[in-house]
């Protein structure tokens, strides 16, 4: 790192990715900072820098002591051990040690006392809520939200005609001829454990899953203009039921609240959707299958005059980025749901869904909101593109 880059970084102040320390003498305190960065998105600790970003500098003896402290804290006071990199950067007021801590692959990290720290703005805090701890274990691949048992739902809550039809279609055998009792069969299919349907089993086959897990629905609203309004809207619906029903009803909501063009068809024809149906199928399936079910919040579908926003709880898992997605990479957050979705929805998995949507309609913006813990797909409608084209043409004439 050059001195000019250091000065620029310090001028920005502390945030979730950089922390200033005038000095460090305690291995436990340093370990807590390293743990917080490892459990979040990584970052840098600048030692020899005051809280206001001014540099008081470090001596050669300080550097030797701090390098040993960092090595000891990272290997002995952090579990599992991590490997931060240190760099001694010159500054007019004295040297600064920059400790670079990457985001960890083996979350959750903890200090030697078992405390799990995460970043909260420019500070750190203990992770204590069950959902937050579950998400850290989820990121490490140690637990998946869709296998979590749902209190109050058992084999008796399965929609039997629906399940029987699925079973016969999938296995070419009537369920009545199967030798195993239903609870054991559901366990074998990874849909039930500990006497309860899990999240996947509930969403896929329960008669009314929203009574037990009311947050896992779709809230859909169609607005008059281009902004959210409390009082004026065209349509509003809470879409509930089994996953396949929620999928179809959400597609119906979008179709009913976006335009269809007549083209060369007759006046009495239904017309063609302004955005290919494939786009909505892929985006809605992605939102339902890959959302974070450790977060108690609904998927939101917001239809505006110029765009449709599909907002899923949970940012992209681990180190997956929007650029990775566009390159065809994927990371399976809910493996049980994903395996069944291929049999119940127009869903193929393998990271190809969003690519198909983008090929069919390139005017899609994908946003990985890590601060808000959301993933958002914004589909620009043809009406907005037409308005932008007319505006540009008008400006060109004037």
Protein backbone atom coordinates (compact mmCIF):
# COMPACT_ATOMS: atom_id res chain seq x y z
CA UNK A 1 0.00 0.00 0.00
CA UNK A 2 1.38 3.42 -0.95
CA UNK A 3 1.32 6.37 1.44
CA UNK A 4 -1.15 8.23 -0.79
CA UNK A 5 -3.59 5.30 -0.65
CA UNK A 6 -3.23 5.14 3.13
CA UNK A 7 -4.00 8.86 3.47
CA UNK A 8 -7.06 8.46 1.23
CA UNK A 9 -8.38 5.50 3.25
CA UNK A 10 -7.88 7.26 6.57
CA UNK A 11 -9.72 10.33 5.28
CA UNK A 12 -12.87 8.22 4.84
CA UNK A 13 -13.10 7.41 8.56
CA UNK A 14 -14.13 4.17 10.24
CA UNK A 15 -16.83 1.93 8.78
CA UNK A 16 -17.73 -1.75 8.57
CA UNK A 17 -14.58 -2.50 6.60
CA UNK A 18 -11.94 -0.45 8.44
CA UNK A 19 -11.14 0.13 12.11
CA UNK A 20 -8.65 2.60 13.65
CA UNK A 21 -6.58 1.75 16.73
CA UNK A 22 -4.00 4.06 18.33
CA UNK A 23 -2.28 0.97 19.76
CA UNK A 24 -3.02 -2.64 20.68
CA UNK A 25 -1.56 -4.41 23.69
CA UNK A 26 -4.18 -7.02 24.57
CA UNK A 27 -4.41 -10.23 22.53
CA UNK A 28 -8.04 -10.85 23.57
CA UNK A 29 -9.15 -7.39 22.41
CA UNK A 30 -7.35 -7.83 19.10
CA UNK A 31 -8.84 -11.31 18.67
CA UNK A 32 -12.36 -9.89 19.08
CA UNK A 33 -11.70 -7.42 16.23
CA UNK A 34 -10.31 -10.19 14.02
CA UNK A 35 -13.30 -12.45 14.79
CA UNK A 36 -15.78 -9.67 13.93
CA UNK A 37 -14.18 -9.04 10.52
CA UNK A 38 -13.89 -12.79 9.79
CA UNK A 39 -17.59 -13.34 10.56
CA UNK A 40 -18.73 -10.41 8.44
CA UNK A 41 -17.16 -9.20 5.20
CA UNK A 42 -13.51 -8.89 6.15
CA UNK A 43 -11.67 -5.59 6.55
CA UNK A 44 -8.58 -3.79 7.78
CA UNK A 45 -7.36 -2.71 11.20
CA UNK A 46 -5.12 0.39 11.08
CA UNK A 47 -2.85 0.47 14.13
CA UNK A 48 -1.11 3.75 14.93
CA UNK A 49 -4.19 5.78 13.96
CA UNK A 50 -6.44 7.76 16.31
CA UNK A 51 -10.23 7.57 16.19
CA UNK A 52 -10.41 10.80 14.16
CA UNK A 53 -8.10 9.37 11.48
CA UNK A 54 -5.01 11.33 12.53
CA UNK A 55 -1.75 9.37 12.61
CA UNK A 56 0.58 9.38 15.61
CA UNK A 57 2.77 6.63 14.14
CA UNK A 58 4.60 3.58 15.43
CA UNK A 59 8.25 2.96 16.21
CA UNK A 60 10.29 0.02 14.99
CA UNK A 61 9.94 -1.60 18.40
CA UNK A 62 6.15 -1.12 18.22
CA UNK A 63 6.08 -2.85 14.83
CA UNK A 64 8.00 -5.89 16.11
CA UNK A 65 5.76 -6.17 19.18
CA UNK A 66 2.53 -5.77 17.19
CA UNK A 67 3.52 -8.33 14.54
CA UNK A 68 4.02 -10.87 17.30
CA UNK A 69 0.73 -9.85 18.97
CA UNK A 70 -1.21 -10.27 15.70
CA UNK A 71 0.35 -13.69 15.07
CA UNK A 72 -0.45 -14.88 18.61
CA UNK A 73 -4.01 -13.51 18.64
CA UNK A 74 -4.89 -14.97 15.22
CA UNK A 75 -3.50 -18.42 16.00
CA UNK A 76 -4.22 -18.84 19.71
CA UNK A 77 -7.15 -16.55 20.56
CA UNK A 78 -9.33 -17.07 17.46
CA UNK A 79 -11.16 -20.34 16.78
CA UNK A 80 -10.69 -21.63 14.15
CA UNK A 81 -7.35 -19.90 13.60
CA UNK A 82 -7.09 -17.32 10.81
CA UNK A 83 -4.21 -15.83 8.83
CA UNK A 84 -4.39 -12.02 8.65
CA UNK A 85 -1.70 -10.21 6.65
CA UNK A 86 0.21 -7.26 8.07
CA UNK A 87 1.79 -4.41 6.16
CA UNK A 88 3.90 -1.56 7.54
CA UNK A 89 3.03 1.61 5.60
CA UNK A 90 5.07 4.82 5.91
CA UNK A 91 3.32 8.11 6.75
CA UNK A 92 4.73 11.62 7.40
CA UNK A 93 3.75 11.29 11.07
CA UNK A 94 5.19 7.80 11.48
CA UNK A 95 4.55 4.26 10.29
CA UNK A 96 1.10 2.62 10.37
CA UNK A 97 0.53 -1.13 10.60
CA UNK A 98 -2.33 -2.33 8.38
CA UNK A 99 -3.78 -5.69 9.42
CA UNK A 100 -5.87 -7.18 6.57
CA UNK A 101 -8.45 -9.74 7.75
CA UNK A 102 -10.27 -11.66 4.98
CA UNK A 103 -13.87 -12.81 5.28
CA UNK A 104 -13.71 -16.32 6.70
CA UNK A 105 -14.78 -19.56 5.03
CA UNK A 106 -15.32 -21.47 8.30
CA UNK A 107 -17.92 -19.31 10.07
CA UNK A 108 -18.77 -18.82 12.82
CA UNK A 109 -15.43 -17.69 14.26
CA UNK A 110 -15.18 -17.08 17.99
CA UNK A 111 -12.66 -15.87 20.55
CA UNK A 112 -11.03 -18.24 23.04
CA UNK A 113 -13.94 -17.67 25.46
CA UNK A 114 -16.49 -18.82 22.87
CA UNK A 115 -17.90 -15.33 22.11
CA UNK A 116 -18.97 -14.81 18.50
CA UNK A 117 -18.41 -11.24 17.31
CA UNK A 118 -19.77 -9.52 14.18
CA UNK A 119 -19.40 -6.04 12.76
CA UNK A 120 -22.17 -3.53 13.41
CA UNK A 121 -21.39 -0.39 11.47
CA UNK A 122 -17.92 0.77 12.49
CA UNK A 123 -18.19 -1.06 15.82
CA UNK A 124 -18.54 -4.73 16.74
CA UNK A 125 -21.06 -6.60 18.84
CA UNK A 126 -21.73 -10.09 20.10
CA UNK A 127 -23.95 -12.27 17.94
CA UNK A 128 -26.61 -13.59 20.30
CA UNK A 129 -29.91 -13.99 18.43
CA UNK A 130 -30.78 -17.49 17.24
CA UNK A 131 -31.44 -16.37 13.65
CA UNK A 132 -28.09 -14.60 13.41
CA UNK A 133 -26.18 -17.59 14.76
CA UNK A 134 -28.07 -19.90 12.41
CA UNK A 135 -27.09 -17.76 9.42
CA UNK A 136 -23.43 -17.97 10.41
CA UNK A 137 -23.66 -21.76 10.62
CA UNK A 138 -25.54 -21.72 7.31
CA UNK A 139 -22.72 -19.82 5.64
CA UNK A 140 -20.31 -22.52 6.82
CA UNK A 141 -22.54 -25.21 5.29
CA UNK A 142 -23.15 -26.74 8.74
CA UNK A 143 -26.90 -26.22 8.75
CA UNK A 144 -29.60 -25.37 6.20
CA UNK A 145 -32.76 -23.44 6.99
CA UNK A 146 -34.98 -25.71 4.92
CA UNK A 147 -34.21 -28.71 7.17
CA UNK A 148 -35.29 -26.90 10.36
CA UNK A 149 -38.31 -28.58 12.07
CA UNK A 150 -41.51 -26.52 12.14
CA UNK A 151 -43.30 -26.63 15.49
CA UNK A 152 -46.92 -27.69 15.19
CA UNK A 153 -46.73 -29.39 11.79
CA UNK A 154 -46.54 -33.18 11.51
CA UNK A 155 -47.35 -35.90 9.00
CA UNK A 156 -51.04 -35.32 9.75
CA UNK A 157 -50.79 -31.83 8.19
CA UNK A 158 -49.70 -33.11 4.77
CA UNK A 159 -52.13 -32.44 1.91
CA UNK A 160 -52.56 -36.12 1.09
CA UNK A 161 -54.25 -35.90 -2.36
CA UNK A 162 -51.53 -33.47 -3.47
CA UNK A 163 -48.73 -35.60 -2.01
CA UNK A 164 -50.16 -38.82 -3.46
CA UNK A 165 -50.34 -37.25 -6.93
CA UNK A 166 -46.74 -36.07 -6.63
CA UNK A 167 -45.54 -39.44 -5.37
CA UNK A 168 -47.18 -41.40 -8.18
CA UNK A 169 -45.91 -38.94 -10.80
CA UNK A 170 -42.40 -39.07 -9.42
CA UNK A 171 -42.03 -42.77 -8.62
CA UNK A 172 -44.56 -44.38 -11.01
CA UNK A 173 -46.15 -46.14 -8.06
CA UNK A 174 -49.35 -45.37 -6.12
CA UNK A 175 -48.63 -44.29 -2.57
CA UNK A 176 -51.15 -46.85 -1.29
CA UNK A 177 -48.91 -49.66 -2.58
CA UNK A 178 -45.84 -48.33 -0.79
CA UNK A 179 -44.88 -50.45 2.19
CA UNK A 180 -43.49 -47.75 4.50
CA UNK A 181 -45.75 -45.68 6.80
CA UNK A 182 -46.08 -42.01 5.85
CA UNK A 183 -43.89 -40.58 8.68
CA UNK A 184 -40.97 -42.86 7.74
CA UNK A 185 -41.42 -42.06 4.06
CA UNK A 186 -41.31 -38.32 4.80
CA UNK A 187 -38.14 -38.82 6.87
CA UNK A 188 -36.55 -40.76 4.01
CA UNK A 189 -37.44 -37.94 1.60
CA UNK A 190 -35.79 -35.36 3.93
CA UNK A 191 -39.15 -33.67 4.53
CA UNK A 192 -39.55 -34.49 8.21
CA UNK A 193 -37.42 -34.98 11.31
CA UNK A 194 -37.98 -35.24 15.06
CA UNK A 195 -41.66 -35.94 14.44
CA UNK A 196 -42.21 -32.60 12.69
CA UNK A 197 -42.29 -31.49 9.09
CA UNK A 198 -39.24 -29.38 8.33
CA UNK A 199 -39.42 -26.04 6.51
CA UNK A 200 -39.07 -27.74 3.12
CA UNK A 201 -41.74 -30.33 3.87
CA UNK A 202 -44.10 -27.69 5.22
CA UNK A 203 -43.71 -25.33 2.27
CA UNK A 204 -43.96 -28.09 -0.31
CA UNK A 205 -46.72 -30.36 1.02
CA UNK A 206 -48.54 -28.97 4.09
CA UNK A 207 -52.18 -28.02 3.62
CA UNK A 208 -51.75 -24.50 5.03
CA UNK A 209 -48.10 -23.84 5.90
CA UNK A 210 -48.67 -20.12 6.48
CA UNK A 211 -50.49 -20.81 9.74
CA UNK A 212 -47.30 -22.26 11.27
CA UNK A 213 -44.73 -20.16 9.37
CA UNK A 214 -46.65 -16.96 8.55
CA UNK A 215 -43.60 -14.94 7.47
CA UNK A 216 -42.77 -17.24 4.55
CA UNK A 217 -45.31 -15.83 2.10
CA UNK A 218 -45.27 -13.37 -0.80
CA UNK A 219 -46.56 -9.84 -0.21
CA UNK A 220 -47.46 -8.34 -3.58
CA UNK A 221 -48.55 -4.76 -4.28
CA UNK A 222 -49.20 -2.97 -7.58
CA UNK A 223 -48.87 0.83 -7.41
CA UNK A 224 -50.33 3.53 -9.63
CA UNK A 225 -47.10 5.36 -10.38
CA UNK A 226 -43.38 4.88 -9.89
CA UNK A 227 -43.18 5.28 -6.09
CA UNK A 228 -44.48 3.41 -3.05
CA UNK A 229 -47.70 5.03 -1.81
CA UNK A 230 -49.65 4.12 1.31
CA UNK A 231 -53.06 5.23 0.08
CA UNK A 232 -53.06 4.77 -3.69
CA UNK A 233 -52.46 1.34 -5.16
CA UNK A 234 -54.08 -0.83 -7.81
CA UNK A 235 -53.88 -4.23 -6.16
CA UNK A 236 -52.52 -5.75 -2.94
CA UNK A 237 -52.35 -9.38 -1.97
CA UNK A 238 -50.82 -11.71 0.62
CA UNK A 239 -50.09 -14.87 -1.38
CA UNK A 240 -50.11 -18.01 0.77
CA UNK A 241 -50.27 -21.78 0.40
CA UNK A 242 -47.96 -24.49 -0.83
CA UNK A 243 -44.84 -23.38 -2.69
CA UNK A 244 -46.15 -24.42 -6.11
CA UNK A 245 -49.42 -22.51 -5.50
CA UNK A 246 -47.56 -19.42 -4.28
CA UNK A 247 -45.41 -19.58 -7.41
CA UNK A 248 -48.41 -19.73 -9.78
CA UNK A 249 -50.39 -17.05 -7.92
CA UNK A 250 -47.39 -14.70 -7.90
CA UNK A 251 -47.01 -15.12 -11.67
CA UNK A 252 -50.72 -14.40 -12.02
CA UNK A 253 -50.42 -11.24 -9.93
CA UNK A 254 -47.58 -9.92 -12.07
CA UNK A 255 -49.40 -10.81 -15.32
CA UNK A 256 -52.59 -9.11 -14.14
CA UNK A 257 -50.76 -5.90 -13.23
CA UNK A 258 -48.43 -5.50 -16.21
CA UNK A 259 -49.40 -4.65 -19.76
CA UNK A 260 -50.10 -6.99 -22.64
CA UNK A 261 -49.51 -5.78 -26.21
CA UNK A 262 -51.79 -6.63 -29.10
CA UNK A 263 -49.16 -6.55 -31.82
CA UNK A 264 -50.77 -7.99 -34.96
CA UNK A 265 -53.39 -9.93 -33.00
CA UNK A 266 -57.06 -9.21 -33.21
CA UNK A 267 -58.82 -6.73 -30.92
CA UNK A 268 -60.47 -9.45 -28.83
CA UNK A 269 -57.28 -11.46 -28.28
CA UNK A 270 -55.55 -11.45 -24.91
CA UNK A 271 -52.34 -10.05 -26.37
CA UNK A 272 -48.79 -10.93 -25.47
CA UNK A 273 -47.09 -10.08 -22.18
CA UNK A 274 -44.73 -7.10 -22.53
CA UNK A 275 -42.00 -9.06 -20.71
CA UNK A 276 -41.56 -12.77 -21.57
CA UNK A 277 -43.21 -15.10 -19.05
CA UNK A 278 -39.91 -16.97 -18.76
CA UNK A 279 -38.43 -13.94 -16.99
CA UNK A 280 -41.06 -13.94 -14.25
CA UNK A 281 -40.85 -17.74 -13.88
CA UNK A 282 -37.10 -17.67 -13.30
CA UNK A 283 -37.09 -14.65 -10.98
CA UNK A 284 -40.02 -15.80 -8.84
CA UNK A 285 -38.66 -19.37 -8.59
CA UNK A 286 -35.26 -17.98 -7.61
CA UNK A 287 -36.85 -15.80 -4.91
CA UNK A 288 -38.85 -18.68 -3.41
CA UNK A 289 -36.18 -21.38 -3.59
CA UNK A 290 -33.04 -19.40 -2.73
CA UNK A 291 -34.29 -16.88 -0.16
CA UNK A 292 -32.93 -17.09 3.39
CA UNK A 293 -35.50 -18.97 5.47
CA UNK A 294 -33.66 -18.09 8.67
CA UNK A 295 -35.05 -14.57 8.21
CA UNK A 296 -38.68 -14.17 9.30
CA UNK A 297 -39.82 -11.92 6.45
CA UNK A 298 -41.82 -12.36 3.24
CA UNK A 299 -40.69 -12.15 -0.34
CA UNK A 300 -41.97 -8.83 -1.71
CA UNK A 301 -43.20 -8.23 -5.26
CA UNK A 302 -43.73 -4.55 -6.05
CA UNK A 303 -45.22 -3.61 -9.43
CA UNK A 304 -44.75 0.00 -10.52
CA UNK A 305 -45.66 1.80 -13.73
CA UNK A 306 -42.08 1.54 -15.01
CA UNK A 307 -40.64 -1.55 -13.26
CA UNK A 308 -41.22 -4.65 -11.16
CA UNK A 309 -39.13 -5.28 -8.04
CA UNK A 310 -38.78 -8.81 -6.62
CA UNK A 311 -37.11 -8.61 -3.21
CA UNK A 312 -35.88 -11.71 -1.35
CA UNK A 313 -34.81 -11.85 2.31
CA UNK A 314 -31.10 -12.61 2.56
CA UNK A 315 -28.15 -11.35 0.53
CA UNK A 316 -26.19 -13.73 -1.69
CA UNK A 317 -24.60 -16.50 0.38
CA UNK A 318 -20.90 -16.64 1.21
CA UNK A 319 -18.67 -14.96 -1.38
CA UNK A 320 -21.15 -15.21 -4.25
CA UNK A 321 -21.55 -11.92 -6.10
CA UNK A 322 -23.78 -10.57 -8.87
CA UNK A 323 -20.80 -10.90 -11.22
CA UNK A 324 -20.46 -14.58 -10.22
CA UNK A 325 -24.14 -15.15 -10.96
CA UNK A 326 -23.83 -13.60 -14.40
CA UNK A 327 -20.93 -15.98 -15.02
CA UNK A 328 -23.18 -18.94 -14.17
CA UNK A 329 -21.97 -19.66 -10.63
CA UNK A 330 -24.37 -20.70 -7.89
CA UNK A 331 -24.46 -21.60 -4.20
CA UNK A 332 -27.28 -23.81 -2.92
CA UNK A 333 -28.70 -22.26 0.25
CA UNK A 334 -31.72 -24.60 0.54
CA UNK A 335 -30.71 -27.96 -0.98
CA UNK A 336 -33.91 -29.86 -0.08
CA UNK A 337 -36.17 -27.19 -1.55
CA UNK A 338 -33.98 -26.93 -4.64
CA UNK A 339 -34.12 -30.67 -5.26
CA UNK A 340 -37.93 -30.73 -5.07
CA UNK A 341 -38.40 -27.44 -6.94
CA UNK A 342 -37.06 -29.08 -10.09
CA UNK A 343 -40.00 -31.52 -9.86
CA UNK A 344 -42.73 -29.02 -8.95
CA UNK A 345 -41.79 -25.75 -10.68
CA UNK A 346 -40.24 -24.62 -13.97
CA UNK A 347 -36.90 -24.65 -12.15
CA UNK A 348 -33.68 -26.25 -13.36
CA UNK A 349 -31.12 -25.03 -10.81
CA UNK A 350 -27.41 -25.19 -11.64
CA UNK A 351 -27.17 -21.39 -11.55
CA UNK A 352 -28.79 -21.09 -14.96
CA UNK A 353 -32.13 -19.47 -14.09
CA UNK A 354 -31.00 -15.87 -13.77
CA UNK A 355 -28.89 -16.26 -16.91
CA UNK A 356 -31.96 -17.39 -18.87
CA UNK A 357 -33.93 -14.43 -17.53
CA UNK A 358 -31.19 -11.98 -18.52
CA UNK A 359 -30.93 -13.48 -22.00
CA UNK A 360 -34.69 -13.21 -22.48
CA UNK A 361 -34.86 -9.66 -21.09
CA UNK A 362 -31.51 -7.87 -20.51
CA UNK A 363 -33.16 -4.91 -18.76
CA UNK A 364 -32.85 -6.54 -15.31
CA UNK A 365 -30.80 -5.03 -12.51
CA UNK A 366 -29.58 -7.42 -9.81
CA UNK A 367 -28.69 -5.89 -6.42
CA UNK A 368 -26.96 -7.78 -3.60
CA UNK A 369 -27.76 -5.58 -0.60
CA UNK A 370 -25.49 -6.92 2.14
CA UNK A 371 -26.21 -4.05 4.53
CA UNK A 372 -29.98 -4.57 4.25
CA UNK A 373 -29.61 -8.37 3.98
CA UNK A 374 -31.68 -8.48 0.77
CA UNK A 375 -31.35 -9.62 -2.81
CA UNK A 376 -33.32 -7.63 -5.36
CA UNK A 377 -34.16 -8.08 -9.02
CA UNK A 378 -35.50 -4.95 -10.74
CA UNK A 379 -37.12 -5.55 -14.13
CA UNK A 380 -37.48 -2.41 -16.24
CA UNK A 381 -40.78 -2.48 -18.17
CA UNK A 382 -41.07 -1.54 -21.86
CA UNK A 383 -43.19 1.51 -20.97
CA UNK A 384 -40.18 2.98 -19.14
CA UNK A 385 -37.88 2.21 -22.06
CA UNK A 386 -40.33 3.84 -24.48
CA UNK A 387 -40.60 6.92 -22.27
CA UNK A 388 -36.81 7.18 -22.04
CA UNK A 389 -36.52 6.86 -25.82
CA UNK A 390 -39.11 9.58 -26.44
CA UNK A 391 -37.41 11.86 -23.92
CA UNK A 392 -34.04 11.37 -25.62
CA UNK A 393 -35.59 12.02 -29.03
CA UNK A 394 -37.26 15.20 -27.76
CA UNK A 395 -34.00 16.45 -26.25
CA UNK A 396 -32.22 15.74 -29.52
CA UNK A 397 -34.72 17.84 -31.47
CA UNK A 398 -34.47 20.75 -29.07
